[in-house]
Protein backbone atom coordinates (compact mmCIF):
# COMPACT_ATOMS: atom_id res chain seq x y z
CA MET A 1 4.65 -15.70 14.31
CA LYS A 2 4.37 -13.77 11.03
CA SER A 3 7.33 -11.70 9.86
CA ARG A 4 6.86 -7.95 9.79
CA LYS A 5 9.71 -7.31 7.33
CA PRO A 6 7.37 -6.71 4.35
CA SER A 7 5.88 -3.72 6.20
CA ILE A 8 9.25 -2.02 6.72
CA PRO A 9 9.45 -0.44 3.22
CA TYR A 10 5.90 0.87 3.64
CA ILE A 11 6.79 2.40 7.02
CA ILE A 12 9.92 4.01 5.58
CA TRP A 13 7.89 5.39 2.65
CA MET A 14 5.26 6.84 5.00
CA VAL A 15 7.84 8.44 7.28
CA VAL A 16 9.98 9.97 4.51
CA PHE A 17 7.28 11.08 2.06
CA THR A 18 4.30 11.70 4.38
CA MET A 19 5.18 12.28 8.02
CA ILE A 20 8.32 14.39 7.55
CA PRO A 21 6.70 16.77 4.99
CA ILE A 22 3.64 17.16 7.26
CA ILE A 23 5.86 17.97 10.24
CA MET A 24 7.84 20.49 8.15
CA ILE A 25 4.66 22.20 6.92
CA GLY A 26 3.26 22.27 10.46
CA PHE A 27 6.45 23.79 11.84
CA THR A 28 6.58 26.41 9.07
CA ALA A 29 2.91 27.29 9.54
CA PHE A 30 3.34 28.04 13.25
CA THR A 31 6.49 30.13 12.90
CA ASP A 32 7.55 33.37 11.23
CA LYS A 33 10.46 33.99 8.87
CA ASN A 34 12.84 34.14 11.83
CA GLY A 35 11.70 30.75 13.15
CA ASN A 36 9.81 32.21 16.12
CA PHE A 37 6.41 30.88 17.15
CA SER A 38 3.64 32.90 15.50
CA LEU A 39 -0.04 32.59 14.57
CA GLN A 40 0.06 35.53 12.20
CA ALA A 41 -0.04 33.27 9.13
CA PHE A 42 -3.30 31.71 10.32
CA THR A 43 -4.73 35.14 11.09
CA ASN A 44 -3.94 36.30 7.56
CA ALA A 45 -5.56 33.17 6.13
CA PHE A 46 -8.99 34.38 7.29
CA TYR A 47 -8.83 37.07 4.60
CA TYR A 48 -9.15 34.25 2.07
CA THR A 49 -12.35 32.81 3.52
CA ASN A 50 -14.29 33.59 0.33
CA ILE A 51 -11.74 31.65 -1.73
CA PHE A 52 -11.99 28.70 0.66
CA VAL A 53 -15.77 28.72 0.30
CA LYS A 54 -15.66 29.06 -3.49
CA SER A 55 -13.11 26.23 -3.80
CA LEU A 56 -15.32 23.90 -1.76
CA TRP A 57 -18.41 25.00 -3.71
CA ILE A 58 -16.81 24.35 -7.11
CA ALA A 59 -15.52 21.00 -5.86
CA LEU A 60 -19.01 20.12 -4.59
CA ILE A 61 -20.67 20.99 -7.91
CA SER A 62 -18.02 19.08 -9.87
CA THR A 63 -18.42 16.05 -7.62
CA ALA A 64 -22.22 16.12 -7.95
CA ILE A 65 -22.01 16.28 -11.75
CA CYS A 66 -19.50 13.43 -11.79
CA LEU A 67 -21.84 11.35 -9.64
CA VAL A 68 -24.85 12.05 -11.87
CA LEU A 69 -22.86 11.04 -14.95
CA ALA A 70 -20.92 8.14 -13.44
CA TYR A 71 -23.68 6.28 -11.63
CA PRO A 72 -25.84 5.36 -14.66
CA LEU A 73 -22.69 4.71 -16.71
CA ALA A 74 -21.36 2.30 -14.09
CA TYR A 75 -24.75 0.59 -13.87
CA LEU A 76 -24.98 0.18 -17.65
CA LEU A 77 -21.46 -1.25 -17.73
CA THR A 78 -22.39 -3.99 -15.28
CA ARG A 79 -25.30 -4.98 -17.54
CA MET A 80 -23.04 -5.51 -20.58
CA LYS A 81 -20.98 -8.48 -21.68
CA GLU A 82 -17.62 -8.85 -19.95
CA SER A 83 -15.68 -8.21 -23.18
CA THR A 84 -17.68 -5.03 -23.80
CA GLN A 85 -17.10 -3.93 -20.20
CA ASN A 86 -13.34 -4.36 -20.55
CA THR A 87 -13.29 -2.40 -23.81
CA LEU A 88 -15.29 0.53 -22.43
CA ILE A 89 -13.25 0.64 -19.23
CA MET A 90 -10.08 0.77 -21.31
CA LEU A 91 -11.51 3.63 -23.40
CA LEU A 92 -12.40 5.44 -20.18
CA MET A 93 -8.87 5.03 -18.86
CA ILE A 94 -6.92 5.89 -22.03
CA PRO A 95 -7.07 9.69 -21.42
CA MET A 96 -5.67 9.10 -17.93
CA TRP A 97 -2.48 7.74 -19.50
CA MET A 98 -1.69 11.23 -20.76
CA ASN A 99 -0.19 13.99 -18.64
CA PHE A 100 -2.67 15.98 -16.51
CA LEU A 101 -1.45 19.31 -17.89
CA LEU A 102 -1.65 18.05 -21.48
CA ARG A 103 -5.32 17.20 -21.01
CA ILE A 104 -5.99 20.70 -19.68
CA TYR A 105 -4.21 22.25 -22.67
CA ALA A 106 -6.48 20.18 -24.92
CA TRP A 107 -9.53 21.84 -23.34
CA VAL A 108 -7.91 25.27 -23.65
CA THR A 109 -7.59 24.62 -27.39
CA LEU A 110 -11.18 23.41 -27.66
CA LEU A 111 -12.74 26.26 -25.64
CA GLN A 112 -10.68 29.25 -26.75
CA ASP A 113 -12.10 31.97 -28.99
CA ASN A 114 -12.18 30.82 -32.62
CA GLY A 115 -11.46 27.31 -31.38
CA PRO A 116 -13.21 24.18 -32.66
CA ILE A 117 -16.24 24.50 -30.34
CA ASP A 118 -16.62 28.24 -30.99
CA MET A 119 -16.37 27.74 -34.76
CA MET A 120 -18.95 24.93 -34.81
CA LEU A 121 -21.46 26.82 -32.69
CA SER A 122 -20.87 29.98 -34.71
CA LEU A 123 -22.28 28.13 -37.73
CA LEU A 124 -25.52 27.85 -35.74
CA GLY A 125 -25.44 31.54 -34.89
CA ILE A 126 -24.23 30.93 -31.35
CA HIS A 127 -21.15 32.83 -30.23
CA SER A 128 -19.94 33.24 -26.69
CA THR A 129 -16.85 33.02 -24.49
CA TYR A 130 -16.36 29.44 -23.36
CA ILE A 131 -13.14 29.85 -21.41
CA GLY A 132 -12.10 32.03 -18.49
CA ASN A 133 -15.20 31.38 -16.37
CA THR A 134 -16.47 29.09 -13.62
CA GLY A 135 -18.31 26.88 -16.10
CA ALA A 136 -15.05 26.07 -17.89
CA VAL A 137 -13.39 25.24 -14.56
CA ILE A 138 -16.20 22.86 -13.61
CA LEU A 139 -16.09 21.27 -17.08
CA GLY A 140 -12.36 20.69 -16.70
CA MET A 141 -12.86 19.22 -13.22
CA VAL A 142 -15.55 16.83 -14.42
CA TYR A 143 -13.44 15.70 -17.37
CA GLU A 144 -10.33 15.15 -15.24
CA TYR A 145 -11.97 13.32 -12.35
CA LEU A 146 -14.94 11.47 -13.88
CA PRO A 147 -13.03 8.15 -14.12
CA PHE A 148 -12.31 8.34 -10.39
CA MET A 149 -16.06 8.32 -9.80
CA VAL A 150 -16.95 5.66 -12.37
CA LEU A 151 -14.43 3.01 -11.35
CA PRO A 152 -15.28 2.68 -7.61
CA ILE A 153 -19.02 2.55 -8.33
CA TYR A 154 -18.53 0.07 -11.17
CA THR A 155 -16.28 -2.13 -9.00
CA VAL A 156 -18.86 -2.31 -6.21
CA MET A 157 -21.80 -2.85 -8.57
CA SER A 158 -20.01 -5.63 -10.46
CA LYS A 159 -19.62 -7.54 -7.19
CA ILE A 160 -23.33 -7.49 -6.33
CA ASP A 161 -24.61 -11.07 -6.23
CA ASN A 162 -26.96 -11.67 -9.15
CA GLY A 163 -28.79 -14.12 -6.91
CA LEU A 164 -30.11 -11.19 -4.87
CA ILE A 165 -31.45 -9.52 -8.00
CA GLU A 166 -33.03 -12.75 -9.24
CA ALA A 167 -34.59 -13.37 -5.83
CA ALA A 168 -36.14 -9.90 -5.83
CA GLN A 169 -37.50 -10.47 -9.34
CA ASP A 170 -38.95 -13.85 -8.32
CA LEU A 171 -40.78 -12.12 -5.48
CA GLY A 172 -42.52 -9.88 -8.01
CA SER A 173 -40.33 -6.79 -7.97
CA ASN A 174 -40.06 -4.83 -11.22
CA ASN A 175 -36.76 -3.46 -12.52
CA PHE A 176 -37.17 -0.10 -10.77
CA THR A 177 -37.95 -1.74 -7.43
CA VAL A 178 -34.98 -4.09 -7.79
CA PHE A 179 -32.75 -1.12 -8.47
CA ARG A 180 -34.16 0.91 -5.56
CA LYS A 181 -34.22 -1.91 -3.01
CA VAL A 182 -31.15 -3.96 -3.99
CA VAL A 183 -28.72 -2.26 -6.37
CA ALA A 184 -28.81 1.29 -4.97
CA PRO A 185 -28.26 0.37 -1.27
CA LEU A 186 -25.47 -2.08 -2.09
CA SER A 187 -23.69 0.47 -4.27
CA VAL A 188 -23.40 3.09 -1.50
CA PRO A 189 -19.81 2.12 -0.57
CA GLY A 190 -18.78 2.75 -4.18
CA ILE A 191 -20.53 6.12 -4.16
CA ILE A 192 -18.77 7.14 -0.95
CA SER A 193 -15.38 6.10 -2.33
CA GLY A 194 -16.03 7.90 -5.61
CA VAL A 195 -17.17 11.10 -3.90
CA THR A 196 -14.05 11.09 -1.73
CA MET A 197 -11.72 10.46 -4.68
CA VAL A 198 -13.25 13.31 -6.68
CA PHE A 199 -14.02 15.93 -4.05
CA VAL A 200 -10.63 16.00 -2.31
CA PRO A 201 -8.47 16.67 -5.41
CA SER A 202 -11.12 18.98 -6.90
CA ALA A 203 -11.00 21.23 -3.84
CA SER A 204 -7.22 21.46 -3.75
CA THR A 205 -6.20 21.52 -7.42
CA PHE A 206 -4.94 24.72 -9.04
CA LEU A 207 -4.02 23.86 -12.64
CA VAL A 208 -7.62 23.60 -13.90
CA ALA A 209 -8.58 27.01 -12.49
CA GLN A 210 -5.27 28.51 -13.61
CA TYR A 211 -5.73 27.58 -17.28
CA LEU A 212 -9.52 27.43 -17.70
CA GLY A 213 -10.73 29.99 -15.17
CA GLY A 214 -10.80 33.76 -15.05
CA ARG A 215 -9.83 36.37 -12.50
CA ASP A 216 -12.79 35.51 -10.28
CA ASP A 217 -12.12 31.76 -10.40
CA ILE A 218 -9.06 31.65 -8.16
CA MET A 219 -9.14 28.56 -5.96
CA ILE A 220 -7.31 27.91 -2.73
CA GLY A 221 -4.82 25.71 -4.58
CA ASN A 222 -3.85 28.72 -6.68
CA VAL A 223 -3.27 30.77 -3.54
CA ILE A 224 -1.06 28.06 -2.02
CA GLU A 225 0.94 27.67 -5.24
CA ASN A 226 1.37 31.46 -5.50
CA GLN A 227 2.59 31.78 -1.90
CA PHE A 228 5.18 29.02 -2.28
CA ILE A 229 6.41 29.58 -5.84
CA THR A 230 5.86 33.27 -6.65
CA VAL A 231 5.69 35.28 -3.42
CA GLY A 232 7.97 33.08 -1.33
CA GLU A 233 5.77 33.32 1.77
CA TRP A 234 6.24 29.74 2.91
CA ASN A 235 4.81 30.42 6.38
CA PHE A 236 1.57 31.77 4.97
CA GLY A 237 1.39 29.05 2.31
CA SER A 238 1.92 26.37 4.95
CA ALA A 239 -0.82 27.83 7.15
CA ILE A 240 -3.32 27.79 4.29
CA SER A 241 -2.27 24.22 3.46
CA MET A 242 -2.82 23.19 7.09
CA ILE A 243 -6.29 24.76 7.15
CA MET A 244 -7.23 23.05 3.89
CA ALA A 245 -5.90 19.73 5.18
CA MET A 246 -7.97 20.05 8.37
CA ILE A 247 -11.11 20.82 6.34
CA MET A 248 -10.47 17.74 4.20
CA MET A 249 -9.88 15.61 7.30
CA LEU A 250 -13.17 16.73 8.84
CA LEU A 251 -15.02 15.95 5.61
CA MET A 252 -13.32 12.54 5.42
CA MET A 253 -14.39 11.80 8.99
CA LEU A 254 -17.95 12.75 8.09
CA VAL A 255 -17.86 10.46 5.05
CA ARG A 256 -16.51 7.62 7.18
CA LYS A 257 -19.30 8.12 9.72
CA LEU A 258 -21.86 7.90 6.92
CA GLU A 259 -20.22 4.71 5.64
CA GLU A 260 -20.26 3.15 9.12
CA ARG A 261 -23.91 4.10 9.55
CA ASN A 262 -24.71 2.52 6.19
CA LYS A 263 -23.02 -0.74 7.28
CA GLU A 264 -24.95 -0.74 10.58
CA GLU A 265 -28.25 -0.32 8.76
CA LYS A 266 -27.46 -3.39 6.66
């Protein structure tokens, strides 16, 4: 009989850092400041429906752009020599070694008025405001989370058996047909993983919108952070967090259903 001792630290970690905080947030969400049962916090959360929708919309756009950029990049990486692949992957990961906030500050410097981008475009007669808008928020999202889309797709693509590709070519398939019939279907698990890893943090983050967005670019993460840190309304902040968590869980369940359907079709 196998020993279960190695799983004990994992169980302790899950209980202390996952289960207990979730229980505390759930308790706070369903009570008022006096500790009495109340649904008022959830009722108040409906006034932020537009922010919920906008957060999900920005996250969806950011995820779609990441997918469009990451998929061909991951495919090209798998076609290169192994040494070249390792070098490019390292270059892709180097920015991730820096602090998240530091990377956002770098974009603030680049996009601000009279910043490097503004000065270069001004030489071409183009002058505009590149920060404090939804476009800047999406740009920051794509920059921050693009590696999380590239790596899962690249990992799955690199494991595709070359024998399948060669067999398709031997049967007369051209490169486009091989890609459409072999590579694309087999890379779906990587796409699903990448979409999940990008969409979930994009929908709940607040730092990108806080530093790159404007007044109309408040995301639900900003509301949660404001309720906990600034206003001190922990009950309301917990209720919004619970609603956001439930939305993410439903989306994750949908993604899992799509993944299971993809496996059944194979």
